């Protein structure tokens, strides 16, 4: 099972993100609209991917992304005004790839997960662009 946590208080945006992630093989989702709710949910069900939208009740997307990068071993995508940025914890905390257009979320997920150690090993999600390159 590949589980994503989507944090955004706009349900239409959350559902659009979910639709893209389903096409990439994700099959389990949690939705939250605030930082405190997201932290609580993530502690109960550890996500394989965290997607932070640009509308979060009582907080900023970058603050939530930073908080999650410090507490959870999962890649984080920050979606803001139609752009998607991959954030990944590295020793000096730099952003290592991105930004990506929201319409290219499959490429962002591929970058975020390809070298990220998961419960199943490395690169557990195959994307549509991976399949196209293999063909």
N, C-alpha and C. Protein backbone atom coordinates (compact mmCIF):
# COMPACT_ATOMS: atom_id res chain seq x y z
N UNK A 1 0.85 -1.18 0.00
CA UNK A 1 0.00 0.00 0.00
C UNK A 1 0.89 1.23 0.00
N UNK A 2 0.57 2.22 -0.84
CA UNK A 2 1.29 3.47 -0.91
C UNK A 2 0.36 4.56 -0.41
N UNK A 3 0.75 5.19 0.70
CA UNK A 3 -0.13 6.12 1.41
C UNK A 3 0.36 7.57 1.29
N UNK A 4 -0.55 8.49 0.94
CA UNK A 4 -0.23 9.91 0.84
C UNK A 4 -1.07 10.71 1.83
N UNK A 5 -0.44 11.70 2.43
CA UNK A 5 -1.13 12.67 3.28
C UNK A 5 -1.20 13.97 2.49
N UNK A 6 -2.42 14.47 2.27
CA UNK A 6 -2.64 15.70 1.53
C UNK A 6 -3.13 16.75 2.52
N UNK A 7 -2.38 17.86 2.62
CA UNK A 7 -2.69 18.93 3.57
C UNK A 7 -3.07 20.18 2.79
N UNK A 8 -4.35 20.50 2.77
CA UNK A 8 -4.85 21.69 2.09
C UNK A 8 -6.29 21.90 2.51
N UNK A 9 -6.69 23.14 2.73
CA UNK A 9 -8.07 23.34 3.15
C UNK A 9 -9.02 23.58 1.98
N UNK A 10 -8.57 23.36 0.76
CA UNK A 10 -9.42 23.43 -0.42
C UNK A 10 -9.64 22.00 -0.92
N UNK A 11 -10.81 21.45 -0.68
CA UNK A 11 -11.08 20.05 -1.02
C UNK A 11 -11.00 19.80 -2.53
N UNK A 12 -11.33 20.78 -3.34
CA UNK A 12 -11.23 20.59 -4.79
C UNK A 12 -9.77 20.37 -5.20
N UNK A 13 -8.87 21.14 -4.61
CA UNK A 13 -7.44 20.96 -4.89
C UNK A 13 -6.97 19.61 -4.38
N UNK A 14 -7.39 19.25 -3.17
CA UNK A 14 -7.01 17.97 -2.60
C UNK A 14 -7.46 16.81 -3.47
N UNK A 15 -8.66 16.89 -3.99
CA UNK A 15 -9.17 15.80 -4.86
C UNK A 15 -8.43 15.76 -6.19
N UNK A 16 -8.04 16.92 -6.72
CA UNK A 16 -7.27 16.93 -7.96
C UNK A 16 -5.90 16.29 -7.75
N UNK A 17 -5.28 16.60 -6.61
CA UNK A 17 -3.99 15.97 -6.27
C UNK A 17 -4.18 14.46 -6.12
N UNK A 18 -5.24 14.05 -5.43
CA UNK A 18 -5.51 12.63 -5.24
C UNK A 18 -5.65 11.93 -6.59
N UNK A 19 -6.37 12.53 -7.51
CA UNK A 19 -6.57 11.90 -8.82
C UNK A 19 -5.22 11.65 -9.52
N UNK A 20 -4.32 12.61 -9.43
CA UNK A 20 -2.99 12.45 -10.04
C UNK A 20 -2.21 11.33 -9.34
N UNK A 21 -2.31 11.30 -8.01
CA UNK A 21 -1.56 10.28 -7.25
C UNK A 21 -2.12 8.88 -7.46
N UNK A 22 -3.42 8.75 -7.63
CA UNK A 22 -4.02 7.44 -7.94
C UNK A 22 -3.43 6.90 -9.24
N UNK A 23 -3.29 7.77 -10.23
CA UNK A 23 -2.72 7.36 -11.51
C UNK A 23 -1.27 6.90 -11.35
N UNK A 24 -0.61 7.34 -10.28
CA UNK A 24 0.77 6.96 -10.02
C UNK A 24 0.90 5.73 -9.12
N UNK A 25 -0.24 5.18 -8.71
CA UNK A 25 -0.20 3.96 -7.90
C UNK A 25 -0.48 4.15 -6.42
N UNK A 26 -0.74 5.37 -5.99
CA UNK A 26 -1.11 5.56 -4.59
C UNK A 26 -2.53 5.05 -4.40
N UNK A 27 -2.75 4.38 -3.26
CA UNK A 27 -4.08 3.79 -3.06
C UNK A 27 -4.65 4.05 -1.67
N UNK A 28 -4.00 4.91 -0.90
CA UNK A 28 -4.48 5.23 0.43
C UNK A 28 -4.19 6.70 0.69
N UNK A 29 -5.18 7.42 1.23
CA UNK A 29 -5.05 8.87 1.40
C UNK A 29 -5.63 9.32 2.73
N UNK A 30 -5.00 10.32 3.31
CA UNK A 30 -5.57 11.09 4.41
C UNK A 30 -5.60 12.54 3.97
N UNK A 31 -6.63 13.26 4.39
CA UNK A 31 -6.80 14.67 4.06
C UNK A 31 -6.88 15.47 5.35
N UNK A 32 -6.14 16.55 5.42
CA UNK A 32 -6.23 17.44 6.57
C UNK A 32 -6.17 18.87 6.07
N UNK A 33 -6.59 19.80 6.91
CA UNK A 33 -6.58 21.21 6.50
C UNK A 33 -5.81 22.09 7.46
N UNK A 34 -5.24 21.52 8.53
CA UNK A 34 -4.44 22.32 9.46
C UNK A 34 -3.18 21.54 9.85
N UNK A 35 -2.18 22.25 10.33
CA UNK A 35 -0.93 21.62 10.74
C UNK A 35 -1.15 20.64 11.90
N UNK A 36 -1.90 21.07 12.91
CA UNK A 36 -2.10 20.19 14.06
C UNK A 36 -2.85 18.92 13.67
N UNK A 37 -3.85 19.05 12.83
CA UNK A 37 -4.60 17.88 12.37
C UNK A 37 -3.68 16.96 11.55
N UNK A 38 -2.85 17.54 10.70
CA UNK A 38 -1.94 16.75 9.87
C UNK A 38 -0.94 15.97 10.72
N UNK A 39 -0.39 16.63 11.74
CA UNK A 39 0.55 15.94 12.62
C UNK A 39 -0.10 14.78 13.34
N UNK A 40 -1.31 14.99 13.81
CA UNK A 40 -2.04 13.93 14.51
C UNK A 40 -2.31 12.74 13.59
N UNK A 41 -2.76 13.02 12.39
CA UNK A 41 -3.06 11.96 11.42
C UNK A 41 -1.79 11.22 11.04
N UNK A 42 -0.70 11.94 10.80
CA UNK A 42 0.56 11.30 10.39
C UNK A 42 1.13 10.42 11.49
N UNK A 43 0.90 10.78 12.73
CA UNK A 43 1.39 9.93 13.82
C UNK A 43 0.62 8.62 13.88
N UNK A 44 -0.63 8.63 13.49
CA UNK A 44 -1.44 7.40 13.49
C UNK A 44 -1.17 6.54 12.26
N UNK A 45 -0.91 7.18 11.12
CA UNK A 45 -0.72 6.45 9.86
C UNK A 45 0.41 7.14 9.09
N UNK A 46 1.61 6.62 9.21
CA UNK A 46 2.79 7.24 8.62
C UNK A 46 2.68 7.29 7.09
N UNK A 47 2.80 8.49 6.51
CA UNK A 47 2.66 8.60 5.05
C UNK A 47 3.93 8.22 4.31
N UNK A 48 3.77 7.76 3.07
CA UNK A 48 4.89 7.52 2.16
C UNK A 48 5.23 8.80 1.39
N UNK A 49 4.26 9.72 1.34
CA UNK A 49 4.42 11.00 0.65
C UNK A 49 3.53 12.02 1.35
N UNK A 50 4.04 13.25 1.53
CA UNK A 50 3.25 14.34 2.09
C UNK A 50 3.13 15.41 1.01
N UNK A 51 1.90 15.82 0.70
CA UNK A 51 1.66 16.90 -0.26
C UNK A 51 1.04 18.06 0.52
N UNK A 52 1.74 19.20 0.53
CA UNK A 52 1.29 20.38 1.26
C UNK A 52 0.79 21.40 0.25
N UNK A 53 -0.49 21.76 0.36
CA UNK A 53 -1.07 22.75 -0.53
C UNK A 53 -0.80 24.17 -0.08
N UNK A 54 -1.30 25.14 -0.84
CA UNK A 54 -1.03 26.54 -0.51
C UNK A 54 -2.07 27.17 0.41
N UNK A 55 -3.08 26.42 0.80
CA UNK A 55 -4.10 26.93 1.72
C UNK A 55 -4.16 26.00 2.93
N UNK A 56 -3.60 26.45 4.06
CA UNK A 56 -3.57 25.65 5.27
C UNK A 56 -4.08 26.51 6.41
N UNK A 57 -5.10 26.05 7.09
CA UNK A 57 -5.70 26.81 8.18
C UNK A 57 -4.68 27.06 9.29
N UNK A 58 -4.44 28.35 9.60
CA UNK A 58 -3.61 28.73 10.73
C UNK A 58 -2.12 28.56 10.57
N UNK A 59 -1.62 28.32 9.37
CA UNK A 59 -0.18 28.13 9.19
C UNK A 59 0.20 28.43 7.75
N UNK A 60 1.49 28.40 7.49
CA UNK A 60 1.98 28.60 6.12
C UNK A 60 2.45 27.26 5.56
N UNK A 61 2.36 27.09 4.26
CA UNK A 61 2.81 25.83 3.65
C UNK A 61 4.27 25.52 3.95
N UNK A 62 5.14 26.51 3.91
CA UNK A 62 6.56 26.25 4.13
C UNK A 62 6.82 25.86 5.59
N UNK A 63 6.09 26.45 6.52
CA UNK A 63 6.25 26.06 7.92
C UNK A 63 5.82 24.60 8.12
N UNK A 64 4.71 24.23 7.53
CA UNK A 64 4.23 22.84 7.65
C UNK A 64 5.23 21.89 7.00
N UNK A 65 5.75 22.24 5.83
CA UNK A 65 6.74 21.38 5.16
C UNK A 65 7.98 21.21 6.02
N UNK A 66 8.45 22.30 6.61
CA UNK A 66 9.63 22.22 7.48
C UNK A 66 9.36 21.33 8.69
N UNK A 67 8.20 21.51 9.29
CA UNK A 67 7.81 20.71 10.46
C UNK A 67 7.80 19.22 10.10
N UNK A 68 7.22 18.87 8.98
CA UNK A 68 7.15 17.47 8.57
C UNK A 68 8.53 16.93 8.21
N UNK A 69 9.37 17.75 7.58
CA UNK A 69 10.71 17.27 7.21
C UNK A 69 11.54 16.96 8.44
N UNK A 70 11.26 17.61 9.54
CA UNK A 70 11.99 17.36 10.79
C UNK A 70 11.44 16.17 11.57
N UNK A 71 10.19 15.80 11.34
CA UNK A 71 9.55 14.78 12.17
C UNK A 71 9.24 13.46 11.48
N UNK A 72 9.12 13.47 10.16
CA UNK A 72 8.68 12.26 9.46
C UNK A 72 9.62 11.92 8.31
N UNK A 73 9.93 10.64 8.13
CA UNK A 73 10.84 10.21 7.06
C UNK A 73 10.11 9.98 5.75
N UNK A 74 9.51 11.03 5.21
CA UNK A 74 8.78 10.92 3.95
C UNK A 74 9.10 12.12 3.08
N UNK A 75 9.14 11.94 1.77
CA UNK A 75 9.33 13.09 0.88
C UNK A 75 8.12 14.03 0.98
N UNK A 76 8.38 15.31 0.72
CA UNK A 76 7.34 16.33 0.84
C UNK A 76 7.27 17.12 -0.45
N UNK A 77 6.07 17.22 -1.02
CA UNK A 77 5.82 18.07 -2.17
C UNK A 77 5.05 19.29 -1.68
N UNK A 78 5.53 20.48 -2.02
CA UNK A 78 4.83 21.71 -1.67
C UNK A 78 4.21 22.26 -2.94
N UNK A 79 2.88 22.34 -2.97
CA UNK A 79 2.15 22.83 -4.12
C UNK A 79 1.72 24.26 -3.82
N UNK A 80 2.14 25.19 -4.67
CA UNK A 80 1.83 26.60 -4.41
C UNK A 80 1.59 27.33 -5.72
N UNK A 81 0.40 27.88 -5.87
CA UNK A 81 0.04 28.68 -7.05
C UNK A 81 0.37 27.98 -8.36
N UNK A 82 -0.01 26.73 -8.45
CA UNK A 82 0.17 26.00 -9.69
C UNK A 82 1.56 25.42 -9.88
N UNK A 83 2.45 25.58 -8.90
CA UNK A 83 3.80 25.02 -8.99
C UNK A 83 3.95 23.96 -7.91
N UNK A 84 4.81 23.00 -8.15
CA UNK A 84 5.02 21.92 -7.20
C UNK A 84 6.52 21.81 -6.96
N UNK A 85 6.94 21.82 -5.70
CA UNK A 85 8.36 21.79 -5.38
C UNK A 85 8.66 20.56 -4.53
N UNK A 86 9.70 19.84 -4.90
CA UNK A 86 10.12 18.68 -4.12
C UNK A 86 11.02 19.17 -3.01
N UNK A 87 10.70 18.81 -1.78
CA UNK A 87 11.57 19.11 -0.65
C UNK A 87 11.99 17.78 -0.06
N UNK A 88 13.26 17.67 0.25
CA UNK A 88 13.77 16.42 0.75
C UNK A 88 14.81 16.72 1.82
N UNK A 89 14.73 15.99 2.91
CA UNK A 89 15.71 16.20 3.97
C UNK A 89 17.07 15.70 3.52
N UNK A 90 18.04 16.56 3.62
CA UNK A 90 19.43 16.21 3.39
C UNK A 90 20.20 16.83 4.55
N UNK A 91 21.46 16.45 4.77
CA UNK A 91 22.16 16.93 5.96
C UNK A 91 22.11 18.44 6.16
N UNK A 92 22.21 19.23 5.10
CA UNK A 92 22.17 20.68 5.28
C UNK A 92 20.77 21.25 5.03
N UNK A 93 19.76 20.41 4.82
CA UNK A 93 18.37 20.85 4.68
C UNK A 93 18.03 21.57 3.40
N UNK A 94 18.87 21.46 2.35
CA UNK A 94 18.59 22.17 1.11
C UNK A 94 17.47 21.51 0.32
N UNK A 95 16.82 22.30 -0.52
CA UNK A 95 15.88 21.75 -1.50
C UNK A 95 16.74 21.13 -2.59
N UNK A 96 16.45 19.88 -2.96
CA UNK A 96 17.32 19.21 -3.91
C UNK A 96 16.77 19.14 -5.33
N UNK A 97 15.50 19.34 -5.52
CA UNK A 97 14.93 19.33 -6.87
C UNK A 97 13.64 20.12 -6.90
N UNK A 98 13.29 20.62 -8.07
CA UNK A 98 12.05 21.35 -8.25
C UNK A 98 12.37 22.80 -8.61
N UNK A 99 11.40 23.63 -8.84
CA UNK A 99 9.96 23.33 -8.76
C UNK A 99 9.45 22.63 -10.02
N UNK A 100 8.28 22.04 -9.88
CA UNK A 100 7.59 21.38 -10.98
C UNK A 100 6.22 22.01 -11.14
N UNK A 101 5.73 22.03 -12.36
CA UNK A 101 4.34 22.44 -12.57
C UNK A 101 3.42 21.42 -11.91
N UNK A 102 2.30 21.88 -11.37
CA UNK A 102 1.36 20.95 -10.75
C UNK A 102 0.92 19.89 -11.75
N UNK A 103 0.82 20.26 -13.02
CA UNK A 103 0.43 19.28 -14.05
C UNK A 103 1.52 18.23 -14.26
N UNK A 104 2.70 18.46 -13.72
CA UNK A 104 3.79 17.50 -13.82
C UNK A 104 4.06 16.82 -12.48
N UNK A 105 3.00 16.68 -11.68
CA UNK A 105 3.18 16.10 -10.34
C UNK A 105 3.75 14.69 -10.42
N UNK A 106 3.50 13.97 -11.51
CA UNK A 106 4.08 12.62 -11.61
C UNK A 106 5.60 12.69 -11.65
N UNK A 107 6.17 13.69 -12.33
CA UNK A 107 7.62 13.85 -12.35
C UNK A 107 8.13 14.24 -10.97
N UNK A 108 7.40 15.10 -10.27
CA UNK A 108 7.80 15.50 -8.92
C UNK A 108 7.79 14.31 -7.97
N UNK A 109 6.77 13.49 -8.07
CA UNK A 109 6.69 12.30 -7.21
C UNK A 109 7.84 11.36 -7.54
N UNK A 110 8.14 11.19 -8.81
CA UNK A 110 9.24 10.30 -9.21
C UNK A 110 10.56 10.78 -8.62
N UNK A 111 10.83 12.08 -8.70
CA UNK A 111 12.06 12.63 -8.14
C UNK A 111 12.08 12.43 -6.63
N UNK A 112 10.95 12.69 -5.98
CA UNK A 112 10.89 12.60 -4.52
C UNK A 112 11.06 11.17 -4.03
N UNK A 113 10.54 10.21 -4.73
CA UNK A 113 10.55 8.83 -4.25
C UNK A 113 11.67 7.96 -4.81
N UNK A 114 12.24 8.35 -5.93
CA UNK A 114 13.21 7.47 -6.61
C UNK A 114 14.36 7.07 -5.70
N UNK A 115 14.92 8.00 -4.97
CA UNK A 115 16.07 7.67 -4.12
C UNK A 115 15.73 7.73 -2.65
N UNK A 116 14.45 7.87 -2.33
CA UNK A 116 14.03 7.97 -0.93
C UNK A 116 13.81 6.58 -0.37
N UNK A 117 14.48 6.21 0.71
CA UNK A 117 14.25 4.87 1.26
C UNK A 117 12.82 4.75 1.79
N UNK A 118 12.13 3.73 1.35
CA UNK A 118 10.76 3.49 1.79
C UNK A 118 10.69 2.17 2.53
N UNK A 119 9.52 1.86 3.03
CA UNK A 119 9.34 0.57 3.72
C UNK A 119 9.63 -0.59 2.79
N UNK A 120 9.42 -0.39 1.47
CA UNK A 120 9.59 -1.46 0.49
C UNK A 120 10.94 -1.41 -0.21
N UNK A 121 11.80 -0.46 0.13
CA UNK A 121 13.08 -0.33 -0.56
C UNK A 121 13.19 1.03 -1.20
N UNK A 122 13.90 1.11 -2.32
CA UNK A 122 14.09 2.39 -3.00
C UNK A 122 13.21 2.45 -4.24
N UNK A 123 12.70 3.65 -4.53
CA UNK A 123 11.94 3.85 -5.77
C UNK A 123 10.72 2.98 -5.87
N UNK A 124 9.90 2.95 -4.83
CA UNK A 124 8.78 2.02 -4.78
C UNK A 124 7.64 2.40 -5.72
N UNK A 125 7.60 3.62 -6.23
CA UNK A 125 6.51 4.05 -7.09
C UNK A 125 7.00 4.20 -8.51
N UNK A 126 6.35 3.53 -9.44
CA UNK A 126 6.66 3.69 -10.85
C UNK A 126 5.69 4.72 -11.41
N UNK A 127 6.21 5.71 -12.12
CA UNK A 127 5.35 6.78 -12.65
C UNK A 127 5.06 6.54 -14.12
N UNK A 128 4.10 7.31 -14.64
CA UNK A 128 3.77 7.19 -16.06
C UNK A 128 4.97 7.59 -16.92
N UNK A 129 5.77 8.57 -16.47
CA UNK A 129 6.94 8.96 -17.25
C UNK A 129 8.00 7.85 -17.24
N UNK A 130 8.11 7.11 -16.13
CA UNK A 130 9.00 5.96 -16.09
C UNK A 130 8.58 4.93 -17.11
N UNK A 131 7.28 4.66 -17.19
CA UNK A 131 6.76 3.66 -18.13
C UNK A 131 6.99 4.13 -19.57
N UNK A 132 6.84 5.43 -19.84
CA UNK A 132 7.04 5.96 -21.19
C UNK A 132 8.50 5.83 -21.60
N UNK A 133 9.42 6.10 -20.67
CA UNK A 133 10.85 6.00 -20.98
C UNK A 133 11.24 4.55 -21.22
N UNK A 134 10.61 3.61 -20.55
CA UNK A 134 10.94 2.19 -20.70
C UNK A 134 10.43 1.64 -22.03
N UNK A 135 9.40 2.27 -22.58
CA UNK A 135 8.80 1.77 -23.83
C UNK A 135 9.63 2.07 -25.05
